[in-house]
Amino acid sequence: MKRVAASALTLGIFIAGIGVGYAAQKLSPSLYHDKSPAEAAGALLETATILADDGSWERIGVGRVYYLGGMKDKGEAIFSSILAGKHADSDTFRIARVYVEAGEWDKAKPLFDGYVERNPREEQDLVEIGTYYLLQGDRSTAERLFDRAFAIDQDVWSTSRAAGAYLGVKPQQ
């Protein structure tokens, strides 16, 4: 039985390697050499989308580049497809971060609020979300989130993030 399992695992790794190798072959310099920035980015993003496969974090990363790179409709389509299906709360958190980075607090806020409701004990995330509230001028909500987080745990990263927000420093991701 162990031999069958080991063989199946080896075959799976081999097939996955072929897929990665095939995708890597597609990433030729002709995708971006002598192309306009928009053409190069488009070709690389199409390839990145293929490489992302079904990985939600990977797809969010591709969507982030589309969204922040001025192709919001394509980024939004990726985010919507992730949020419409079964997804982890961490996906919601990451998408909300993209909206914050884009300066779209109105889109980020409801995602963060839902995340906080479903994850009341994620101390570092509570602090990070609190920093965004503080940077948006909502000190009261920020400090409530800081209070909740610091009642759970106190670490250098969360404490420095909170301090930074009072100085206008965005959290490092």
N, C-alpha and C. Protein backbone atom coordinates (compact mmCIF):
# COMPACT_ATOMS: atom_id res chain seq x y z
N MET A 1 0.81 -1.19 0.00
CA MET A 1 0.00 0.00 0.00
C MET A 1 0.86 1.26 0.00
N LYS A 2 1.94 1.24 0.80
CA LYS A 2 2.83 2.40 0.84
C LYS A 2 3.45 2.64 -0.52
N ARG A 3 3.77 1.57 -1.21
CA ARG A 3 4.39 1.69 -2.53
C ARG A 3 3.43 2.35 -3.52
N VAL A 4 2.15 1.99 -3.46
CA VAL A 4 1.15 2.57 -4.35
C VAL A 4 0.99 4.07 -4.05
N ALA A 5 0.92 4.41 -2.77
CA ALA A 5 0.79 5.81 -2.39
C ALA A 5 2.00 6.61 -2.83
N ALA A 6 3.19 6.05 -2.64
CA ALA A 6 4.41 6.74 -3.05
C ALA A 6 4.45 6.92 -4.56
N SER A 7 4.02 5.91 -5.29
CA SER A 7 3.99 6.00 -6.75
C SER A 7 3.00 7.08 -7.21
N ALA A 8 1.84 7.10 -6.57
CA ALA A 8 0.83 8.10 -6.93
C ALA A 8 1.33 9.51 -6.63
N LEU A 9 1.98 9.67 -5.49
CA LEU A 9 2.53 10.97 -5.13
C LEU A 9 3.60 11.40 -6.13
N THR A 10 4.48 10.49 -6.49
CA THR A 10 5.54 10.78 -7.45
C THR A 10 4.94 11.17 -8.80
N LEU A 11 3.92 10.44 -9.24
CA LEU A 11 3.27 10.74 -10.50
C LEU A 11 2.63 12.13 -10.45
N GLY A 12 1.96 12.45 -9.32
CA GLY A 12 1.34 13.76 -9.17
C GLY A 12 2.35 14.88 -9.24
N ILE A 13 3.48 14.71 -8.55
CA ILE A 13 4.54 15.72 -8.58
C ILE A 13 5.09 15.87 -10.00
N PHE A 14 5.28 14.76 -10.68
CA PHE A 14 5.79 14.77 -12.05
C PHE A 14 4.83 15.54 -12.97
N ILE A 15 3.53 15.24 -12.87
CA ILE A 15 2.54 15.91 -13.73
C ILE A 15 2.49 17.40 -13.41
N ALA A 16 2.53 17.75 -12.13
CA ALA A 16 2.54 19.16 -11.74
C ALA A 16 3.78 19.85 -12.30
N GLY A 17 4.91 19.16 -12.27
CA GLY A 17 6.15 19.71 -12.81
C GLY A 17 6.06 19.96 -14.30
N ILE A 18 5.40 19.04 -15.00
CA ILE A 18 5.22 19.22 -16.44
C ILE A 18 4.40 20.48 -16.70
N GLY A 19 3.32 20.68 -15.91
CA GLY A 19 2.48 21.87 -16.08
C GLY A 19 3.25 23.14 -15.84
N VAL A 20 4.04 23.17 -14.79
CA VAL A 20 4.85 24.35 -14.49
C VAL A 20 5.89 24.56 -15.58
N GLY A 21 6.52 23.47 -16.01
CA GLY A 21 7.52 23.57 -17.08
C GLY A 21 6.92 24.07 -18.37
N TYR A 22 5.72 23.59 -18.69
CA TYR A 22 5.03 24.04 -19.89
C TYR A 22 4.71 25.53 -19.81
N ALA A 23 4.19 25.95 -18.65
CA ALA A 23 3.87 27.37 -18.48
C ALA A 23 5.13 28.22 -18.57
N ALA A 24 6.22 27.72 -18.01
CA ALA A 24 7.48 28.48 -18.04
C ALA A 24 7.97 28.63 -19.48
N GLN A 25 7.74 27.61 -20.32
CA GLN A 25 8.14 27.71 -21.72
C GLN A 25 7.39 28.84 -22.41
N LYS A 26 6.16 29.09 -21.99
CA LYS A 26 5.35 30.14 -22.60
C LYS A 26 5.85 31.54 -22.23
N LEU A 27 6.62 31.64 -21.15
CA LEU A 27 7.11 32.94 -20.69
C LEU A 27 8.38 33.29 -21.45
N SER A 28 8.20 33.63 -22.68
CA SER A 28 9.33 33.95 -23.54
C SER A 28 9.57 35.45 -23.55
N PRO A 29 10.83 35.85 -23.75
CA PRO A 29 11.13 37.29 -23.82
C PRO A 29 10.31 38.02 -24.88
N SER A 30 9.81 37.31 -25.86
CA SER A 30 9.00 37.97 -26.89
C SER A 30 7.69 38.52 -26.34
N LEU A 31 7.32 38.08 -25.14
CA LEU A 31 6.12 38.62 -24.50
C LEU A 31 6.29 40.08 -24.10
N TYR A 32 7.52 40.48 -23.79
CA TYR A 32 7.71 41.82 -23.26
C TYR A 32 8.82 42.62 -23.93
N HIS A 33 9.74 41.99 -24.62
CA HIS A 33 10.79 42.73 -25.33
C HIS A 33 10.17 43.50 -26.49
N ASP A 34 10.64 44.70 -26.67
CA ASP A 34 10.21 45.55 -27.79
C ASP A 34 8.70 45.76 -27.86
N LYS A 35 8.05 45.73 -26.71
CA LYS A 35 6.61 45.97 -26.64
C LYS A 35 6.39 47.27 -25.85
N SER A 36 5.27 47.88 -26.08
CA SER A 36 4.91 49.04 -25.26
C SER A 36 4.68 48.53 -23.84
N PRO A 37 4.79 49.40 -22.85
CA PRO A 37 4.51 48.96 -21.48
C PRO A 37 3.15 48.28 -21.35
N ALA A 38 2.13 48.82 -22.00
CA ALA A 38 0.79 48.23 -21.91
C ALA A 38 0.75 46.84 -22.54
N GLU A 39 1.41 46.68 -23.69
CA GLU A 39 1.45 45.36 -24.35
C GLU A 39 2.23 44.35 -23.52
N ALA A 40 3.37 44.77 -22.98
CA ALA A 40 4.20 43.88 -22.16
C ALA A 40 3.43 43.46 -20.91
N ALA A 41 2.83 44.43 -20.24
CA ALA A 41 2.06 44.12 -19.04
C ALA A 41 0.90 43.18 -19.36
N GLY A 42 0.20 43.46 -20.43
CA GLY A 42 -0.93 42.61 -20.82
C GLY A 42 -0.52 41.17 -21.07
N ALA A 43 0.56 41.00 -21.80
CA ALA A 43 1.04 39.64 -22.10
C ALA A 43 1.49 38.94 -20.83
N LEU A 44 2.21 39.65 -19.97
CA LEU A 44 2.69 39.04 -18.72
C LEU A 44 1.53 38.73 -17.78
N LEU A 45 0.53 39.61 -17.74
CA LEU A 45 -0.62 39.35 -16.88
C LEU A 45 -1.45 38.17 -17.37
N GLU A 46 -1.56 38.02 -18.67
CA GLU A 46 -2.26 36.84 -19.20
C GLU A 46 -1.52 35.57 -18.79
N THR A 47 -0.22 35.59 -18.87
CA THR A 47 0.59 34.44 -18.46
C THR A 47 0.47 34.21 -16.96
N ALA A 48 0.52 35.29 -16.20
CA ALA A 48 0.40 35.17 -14.74
C ALA A 48 -0.95 34.57 -14.36
N THR A 49 -1.99 34.93 -15.10
CA THR A 49 -3.32 34.37 -14.83
C THR A 49 -3.31 32.86 -15.04
N ILE A 50 -2.65 32.41 -16.07
CA ILE A 50 -2.54 30.97 -16.33
C ILE A 50 -1.74 30.31 -15.21
N LEU A 51 -0.63 30.92 -14.84
CA LEU A 51 0.21 30.36 -13.78
C LEU A 51 -0.50 30.34 -12.43
N ALA A 52 -1.38 31.30 -12.20
CA ALA A 52 -2.12 31.37 -10.93
C ALA A 52 -3.06 30.19 -10.77
N ASP A 53 -3.54 29.66 -11.88
CA ASP A 53 -4.43 28.51 -11.88
C ASP A 53 -5.62 28.80 -10.97
N ASP A 54 -5.88 27.96 -10.00
CA ASP A 54 -7.01 28.16 -9.09
C ASP A 54 -6.58 28.74 -7.75
N GLY A 55 -5.32 29.13 -7.61
CA GLY A 55 -4.85 29.66 -6.34
C GLY A 55 -5.45 31.03 -6.06
N SER A 56 -6.17 31.14 -4.96
CA SER A 56 -6.85 32.41 -4.69
C SER A 56 -5.85 33.53 -4.39
N TRP A 57 -4.83 33.26 -3.59
CA TRP A 57 -3.86 34.32 -3.29
C TRP A 57 -3.15 34.76 -4.56
N GLU A 58 -2.83 33.78 -5.40
CA GLU A 58 -2.15 34.10 -6.65
C GLU A 58 -3.05 34.92 -7.56
N ARG A 59 -4.33 34.53 -7.64
CA ARG A 59 -5.27 35.28 -8.47
C ARG A 59 -5.49 36.69 -7.92
N ILE A 60 -5.51 36.82 -6.60
CA ILE A 60 -5.64 38.16 -6.00
C ILE A 60 -4.42 39.00 -6.38
N GLY A 61 -3.24 38.39 -6.38
CA GLY A 61 -2.02 39.10 -6.77
C GLY A 61 -2.10 39.61 -8.20
N VAL A 62 -2.61 38.79 -9.10
CA VAL A 62 -2.78 39.20 -10.49
C VAL A 62 -3.85 40.29 -10.57
N GLY A 63 -4.96 40.08 -9.86
CA GLY A 63 -6.03 41.07 -9.85
C GLY A 63 -5.56 42.41 -9.32
N ARG A 64 -4.67 42.36 -8.32
CA ARG A 64 -4.12 43.59 -7.75
C ARG A 64 -3.38 44.40 -8.82
N VAL A 65 -2.57 43.72 -9.62
CA VAL A 65 -1.82 44.43 -10.66
C VAL A 65 -2.77 45.01 -11.69
N TYR A 66 -3.76 44.22 -12.10
CA TYR A 66 -4.76 44.76 -13.03
C TYR A 66 -5.43 46.00 -12.42
N TYR A 67 -5.90 45.86 -11.19
CA TYR A 67 -6.68 46.92 -10.55
C TYR A 67 -5.85 48.19 -10.37
N LEU A 68 -4.68 48.05 -9.78
CA LEU A 68 -3.84 49.22 -9.52
C LEU A 68 -3.16 49.74 -10.78
N GLY A 69 -3.07 48.88 -11.79
CA GLY A 69 -2.44 49.27 -13.05
C GLY A 69 -3.39 49.94 -14.03
N GLY A 70 -4.60 50.24 -13.58
CA GLY A 70 -5.53 50.97 -14.42
C GLY A 70 -6.52 50.12 -15.18
N MET A 71 -6.48 48.80 -14.98
CA MET A 71 -7.44 47.91 -15.62
C MET A 71 -8.37 47.36 -14.55
N LYS A 72 -9.07 48.30 -13.90
CA LYS A 72 -9.90 47.94 -12.74
C LYS A 72 -10.95 46.89 -13.07
N ASP A 73 -11.51 46.97 -14.27
CA ASP A 73 -12.56 46.02 -14.62
C ASP A 73 -12.04 44.58 -14.59
N LYS A 74 -10.83 44.36 -15.07
CA LYS A 74 -10.25 43.02 -15.06
C LYS A 74 -9.90 42.58 -13.64
N GLY A 75 -9.36 43.50 -12.85
CA GLY A 75 -9.06 43.18 -11.46
C GLY A 75 -10.34 42.88 -10.69
N GLU A 76 -11.34 43.72 -10.89
CA GLU A 76 -12.62 43.54 -10.19
C GLU A 76 -13.27 42.21 -10.57
N ALA A 77 -13.13 41.81 -11.83
CA ALA A 77 -13.70 40.53 -12.27
C ALA A 77 -13.04 39.37 -11.52
N ILE A 78 -11.74 39.46 -11.33
CA ILE A 78 -11.03 38.41 -10.58
C ILE A 78 -11.50 38.41 -9.13
N PHE A 79 -11.57 39.58 -8.51
CA PHE A 79 -12.00 39.66 -7.11
C PHE A 79 -13.43 39.14 -6.95
N SER A 80 -14.30 39.52 -7.86
CA SER A 80 -15.70 39.09 -7.78
C SER A 80 -15.83 37.58 -7.91
N SER A 81 -15.04 36.99 -8.81
CA SER A 81 -15.11 35.54 -8.98
C SER A 81 -14.63 34.81 -7.73
N ILE A 82 -13.65 35.38 -7.05
CA ILE A 82 -13.15 34.76 -5.82
C ILE A 82 -14.20 34.90 -4.72
N LEU A 83 -14.73 36.09 -4.54
CA LEU A 83 -15.69 36.34 -3.47
C LEU A 83 -17.03 35.65 -3.72
N ALA A 84 -17.37 35.38 -4.98
CA ALA A 84 -18.64 34.73 -5.29
C ALA A 84 -18.63 33.25 -4.95
N GLY A 85 -17.45 32.64 -4.93
CA GLY A 85 -17.35 31.22 -4.63
C GLY A 85 -16.95 30.99 -3.19
N LYS A 86 -16.70 29.74 -2.89
CA LYS A 86 -16.21 29.41 -1.55
C LYS A 86 -14.79 29.96 -1.44
N HIS A 87 -14.56 30.74 -0.40
CA HIS A 87 -13.25 31.37 -0.24
C HIS A 87 -12.93 31.52 1.24
N ALA A 88 -11.67 31.68 1.52
CA ALA A 88 -11.21 31.89 2.88
C ALA A 88 -11.37 33.36 3.25
N ASP A 89 -11.53 33.62 4.54
CA ASP A 89 -11.61 35.01 4.98
C ASP A 89 -10.34 35.78 4.64
N SER A 90 -9.20 35.08 4.59
CA SER A 90 -7.96 35.76 4.24
C SER A 90 -8.03 36.33 2.82
N ASP A 91 -8.82 35.72 1.95
CA ASP A 91 -9.00 36.27 0.60
C ASP A 91 -9.73 37.61 0.67
N THR A 92 -10.75 37.67 1.49
CA THR A 92 -11.49 38.92 1.68
C THR A 92 -10.55 40.01 2.19
N PHE A 93 -9.74 39.65 3.17
CA PHE A 93 -8.79 40.58 3.77
C PHE A 93 -7.82 41.12 2.71
N ARG A 94 -7.28 40.24 1.88
CA ARG A 94 -6.32 40.64 0.86
C ARG A 94 -6.96 41.55 -0.20
N ILE A 95 -8.17 41.24 -0.58
CA ILE A 95 -8.86 42.08 -1.57
C ILE A 95 -9.14 43.46 -0.97
N ALA A 96 -9.55 43.49 0.29
CA ALA A 96 -9.78 44.78 0.96
C ALA A 96 -8.50 45.61 0.98
N ARG A 97 -7.37 44.96 1.19
CA ARG A 97 -6.09 45.68 1.17
C ARG A 97 -5.85 46.35 -0.19
N VAL A 98 -6.21 45.66 -1.27
CA VAL A 98 -6.03 46.24 -2.60
C VAL A 98 -6.87 47.51 -2.73
N TYR A 99 -8.11 47.45 -2.24
CA TYR A 99 -8.97 48.63 -2.31
C TYR A 99 -8.38 49.78 -1.50
N VAL A 100 -7.82 49.48 -0.33
CA VAL A 100 -7.16 50.53 0.46
C VAL A 100 -6.00 51.12 -0.32
N GLU A 101 -5.21 50.25 -0.91
CA GLU A 101 -4.05 50.69 -1.68
C GLU A 101 -4.47 51.58 -2.85
N ALA A 102 -5.65 51.30 -3.40
CA ALA A 102 -6.19 52.09 -4.52
C ALA A 102 -6.86 53.38 -4.04
N GLY A 103 -6.92 53.57 -2.71
CA GLY A 103 -7.57 54.76 -2.17
C GLY A 103 -9.08 54.66 -2.18
N GLU A 104 -9.60 53.43 -2.15
CA GLU A 104 -11.05 53.22 -2.21
C GLU A 104 -11.55 52.62 -0.90
N TRP A 105 -11.53 53.45 0.14
CA TRP A 105 -11.94 53.01 1.47
C TRP A 105 -13.38 52.53 1.48
N ASP A 106 -14.24 53.16 0.68
CA ASP A 106 -15.65 52.78 0.64
C ASP A 106 -15.84 51.33 0.20
N LYS A 107 -14.93 50.81 -0.61
CA LYS A 107 -15.00 49.40 -1.02
C LYS A 107 -14.32 48.49 0.00
N ALA A 108 -13.27 48.98 0.62
CA ALA A 108 -12.51 48.16 1.57
C ALA A 108 -13.25 48.00 2.89
N LYS A 109 -13.87 49.05 3.37
CA LYS A 109 -14.48 49.06 4.71
C LYS A 109 -15.46 47.92 4.94
N PRO A 110 -16.44 47.69 4.06
CA PRO A 110 -17.38 46.59 4.35
C PRO A 110 -16.70 45.21 4.35
N LEU A 111 -15.67 45.05 3.54
CA LEU A 111 -14.94 43.78 3.55
C LEU A 111 -14.20 43.60 4.86
N PHE A 112 -13.55 44.67 5.33
CA PHE A 112 -12.86 44.60 6.61
C PHE A 112 -13.85 44.39 7.76
N ASP A 113 -14.99 45.09 7.73
CA ASP A 113 -15.97 44.94 8.81
C ASP A 113 -16.46 43.50 8.90
N GLY A 114 -16.74 42.89 7.77
CA GLY A 114 -17.16 41.49 7.76
C GLY A 114 -16.07 40.57 8.27
N TYR A 115 -14.84 40.88 7.88
CA TYR A 115 -13.70 40.08 8.33
C TYR A 115 -13.57 40.15 9.85
N VAL A 116 -13.67 41.35 10.41
CA VAL A 116 -13.54 41.52 11.87
C VAL A 116 -14.64 40.75 12.59
N GLU A 117 -15.84 40.80 12.04
CA GLU A 117 -16.97 40.09 12.65
C GLU A 117 -16.73 38.58 12.68
N ARG A 118 -16.16 38.06 11.61
CA ARG A 118 -15.93 36.61 11.51
C ARG A 118 -14.62 36.16 12.16
N ASN A 119 -13.72 37.09 12.43
CA ASN A 119 -12.39 36.76 12.97
C ASN A 119 -12.04 37.67 14.14
N PRO A 120 -12.80 37.59 15.21
CA PRO A 120 -12.63 38.54 16.31
C PRO A 120 -11.35 38.36 17.12
N ARG A 121 -10.60 37.29 16.88
CA ARG A 121 -9.41 37.03 17.69
C ARG A 121 -8.12 37.10 16.89
N GLU A 122 -8.19 37.60 15.67
CA GLU A 122 -6.98 37.73 14.84
C GLU A 122 -6.31 39.06 15.18
N GLU A 123 -5.54 39.04 16.22
CA GLU A 123 -4.96 40.26 16.82
C GLU A 123 -4.22 41.12 15.81
N GLN A 124 -3.33 40.56 15.03
CA GLN A 124 -2.55 41.38 14.10
C GLN A 124 -3.43 41.98 13.01
N ASP A 125 -4.42 41.23 12.57
CA ASP A 125 -5.34 41.75 11.56
C ASP A 125 -6.22 42.86 12.13
N LEU A 126 -6.66 42.70 13.38
CA LEU A 126 -7.45 43.75 14.02
C LEU A 126 -6.65 45.05 14.08
N VAL A 127 -5.38 44.95 14.42
CA VAL A 127 -4.54 46.15 14.48
C VAL A 127 -4.38 46.75 13.08
N GLU A 128 -4.10 45.91 12.11
CA GLU A 128 -3.92 46.45 10.75
C GLU A 128 -5.19 47.16 10.28
N ILE A 129 -6.33 46.53 10.49
CA ILE A 129 -7.59 47.16 10.09
C ILE A 129 -7.80 48.45 10.89
N GLY A 130 -7.44 48.43 12.16
CA GLY A 130 -7.52 49.64 12.98
C GLY A 130 -6.66 50.76 12.41
N THR A 131 -5.48 50.40 11.89
CA THR A 131 -4.62 51.44 11.30
C THR A 131 -5.29 52.08 10.10
N TYR A 132 -5.99 51.26 9.31
CA TYR A 132 -6.68 51.83 8.15
C TYR A 132 -7.79 52.78 8.60
N TYR A 133 -8.51 52.39 9.64
CA TYR A 133 -9.55 53.28 10.17
C TYR A 133 -8.93 54.60 10.64
N LEU A 134 -7.84 54.50 11.38
CA LEU A 134 -7.19 55.72 11.89
C LEU A 134 -6.70 56.59 10.74
N LEU A 135 -6.11 55.98 9.73
CA LEU A 135 -5.62 56.73 8.58
C LEU A 135 -6.77 57.37 7.80
N GLN A 136 -7.98 56.83 7.96
CA GLN A 136 -9.18 57.42 7.32
C GLN A 136 -9.85 58.46 8.21
N GLY A 137 -9.27 58.67 9.41
CA GLY A 137 -9.80 59.70 10.30
C GLY A 137 -10.79 59.19 11.33
N ASP A 138 -11.02 57.88 11.40
CA ASP A 138 -11.97 57.32 12.36
C ASP A 138 -11.19 56.76 13.56
N ARG A 139 -10.77 57.67 14.41
CA ARG A 139 -9.94 57.29 15.56
C ARG A 139 -10.71 56.41 16.55
N SER A 140 -11.97 56.68 16.73
CA SER A 140 -12.77 55.92 17.69
C SER A 140 -12.82 54.43 17.33
N THR A 141 -13.13 54.12 16.08
CA THR A 141 -13.17 52.72 15.64
C THR A 141 -11.78 52.11 15.70
N ALA A 142 -10.78 52.87 15.28
CA ALA A 142 -9.41 52.37 15.32
C ALA A 142 -9.02 51.97 16.73
N GLU A 143 -9.30 52.84 17.68
CA GLU A 143 -8.89 52.54 19.05
C GLU A 143 -9.69 51.39 19.66
N ARG A 144 -10.94 51.23 19.25
CA ARG A 144 -11.70 50.04 19.70
C ARG A 144 -11.04 48.77 19.17
N LEU A 145 -10.61 48.80 17.92
CA LEU A 145 -9.94 47.63 17.35
C LEU A 145 -8.59 47.39 18.03
N PHE A 146 -7.85 48.46 18.30
CA PHE A 146 -6.58 48.32 19.01
C PHE A 146 -6.81 47.71 20.39
N ASP A 147 -7.84 48.22 21.11
CA ASP A 147 -8.15 47.69 22.44
C ASP A 147 -8.42 46.19 22.38
N ARG A 148 -9.24 45.78 21.42
CA ARG A 148 -9.56 44.35 21.28
C ARG A 148 -8.31 43.55 21.00
N ALA A 149 -7.49 44.05 20.10
CA ALA A 149 -6.28 43.32 19.71
C ALA A 149 -5.30 43.20 20.86
N PHE A 150 -5.06 44.30 21.56
CA PHE A 150 -4.06 44.28 22.63
C PHE A 150 -4.54 43.52 23.86
N ALA A 151 -5.85 43.31 23.97
CA ALA A 151 -6.37 42.45 25.04
C ALA A 151 -6.07 40.98 24.74
N ILE A 152 -5.89 40.66 23.46
CA ILE A 152 -5.58 39.28 23.04
C ILE A 152 -4.09 39.01 23.17
N ASP A 153 -3.28 39.93 22.61
CA ASP A 153 -1.83 39.74 22.62
C ASP A 153 -1.18 41.09 22.33
N GLN A 154 0.08 41.18 22.69
CA GLN A 154 0.85 42.38 22.43
C GLN A 154 2.19 41.95 21.85
N ASP A 155 2.43 42.37 20.63
CA ASP A 155 3.72 42.05 20.01
C ASP A 155 4.28 43.31 19.36
N VAL A 156 5.54 43.25 19.03
CA VAL A 156 6.24 44.41 18.48
C VAL A 156 5.62 44.87 17.16
N TRP A 157 5.20 43.92 16.33
CA TRP A 157 4.69 44.29 15.00
C TRP A 157 3.37 45.03 15.09
N SER A 158 2.47 44.50 15.88
CA SER A 158 1.16 45.15 16.02
C SER A 158 1.30 46.50 16.72
N THR A 159 2.13 46.54 17.75
CA THR A 159 2.31 47.77 18.49
C THR A 159 2.93 48.86 17.61
N SER A 160 3.92 48.49 16.81
CA SER A 160 4.55 49.49 15.93
C SER A 160 3.61 49.90 14.81
N ARG A 161 2.77 48.97 14.33
CA ARG A 161 1.78 49.35 13.31
C ARG A 161 0.81 50.37 13.86
N ALA A 162 0.32 50.12 15.07
CA ALA A 162 -0.62 51.07 15.68
C ALA A 162 0.05 52.43 15.86
N ALA A 163 1.28 52.42 16.36
CA ALA A 163 2.01 53.67 16.55
C ALA A 163 2.16 54.41 15.21
N GLY A 164 2.51 53.67 14.19
CA GLY A 164 2.69 54.27 12.88
C GLY A 164 1.44 54.95 12.36
N ALA A 165 0.29 54.35 12.63
CA ALA A 165 -0.97 54.95 12.15
C ALA A 165 -1.18 56.34 12.74
N TYR A 166 -0.78 56.52 14.01
CA TYR A 166 -0.92 57.85 14.63
C TYR A 166 0.01 58.87 13.96
N LEU A 167 1.03 58.37 13.29
CA LEU A 167 1.98 59.25 12.60
C LEU A 167 1.72 59.31 11.09
N GLY A 168 0.65 58.67 10.64
CA GLY A 168 0.31 58.68 9.23
C GLY A 168 1.04 57.65 8.41
N VAL A 169 1.66 56.67 9.07
CA VAL A 169 2.42 55.63 8.37
C VAL A 169 1.51 54.45 8.05
N LYS A 170 1.41 54.11 6.79
CA LYS A 170 0.61 52.97 6.37
C LYS A 170 1.27 51.68 6.82
N PRO A 171 0.47 50.66 7.15
CA PRO A 171 1.08 49.40 7.56
C PRO A 171 1.83 48.73 6.41
N GLN A 172 2.95 48.16 6.75
CA GLN A 172 3.73 47.41 5.77
C GLN A 172 3.10 46.04 5.61
N GLN A 173 2.98 45.58 4.39
CA GLN A 173 2.34 44.29 4.16
C GLN A 173 3.32 43.23 3.78
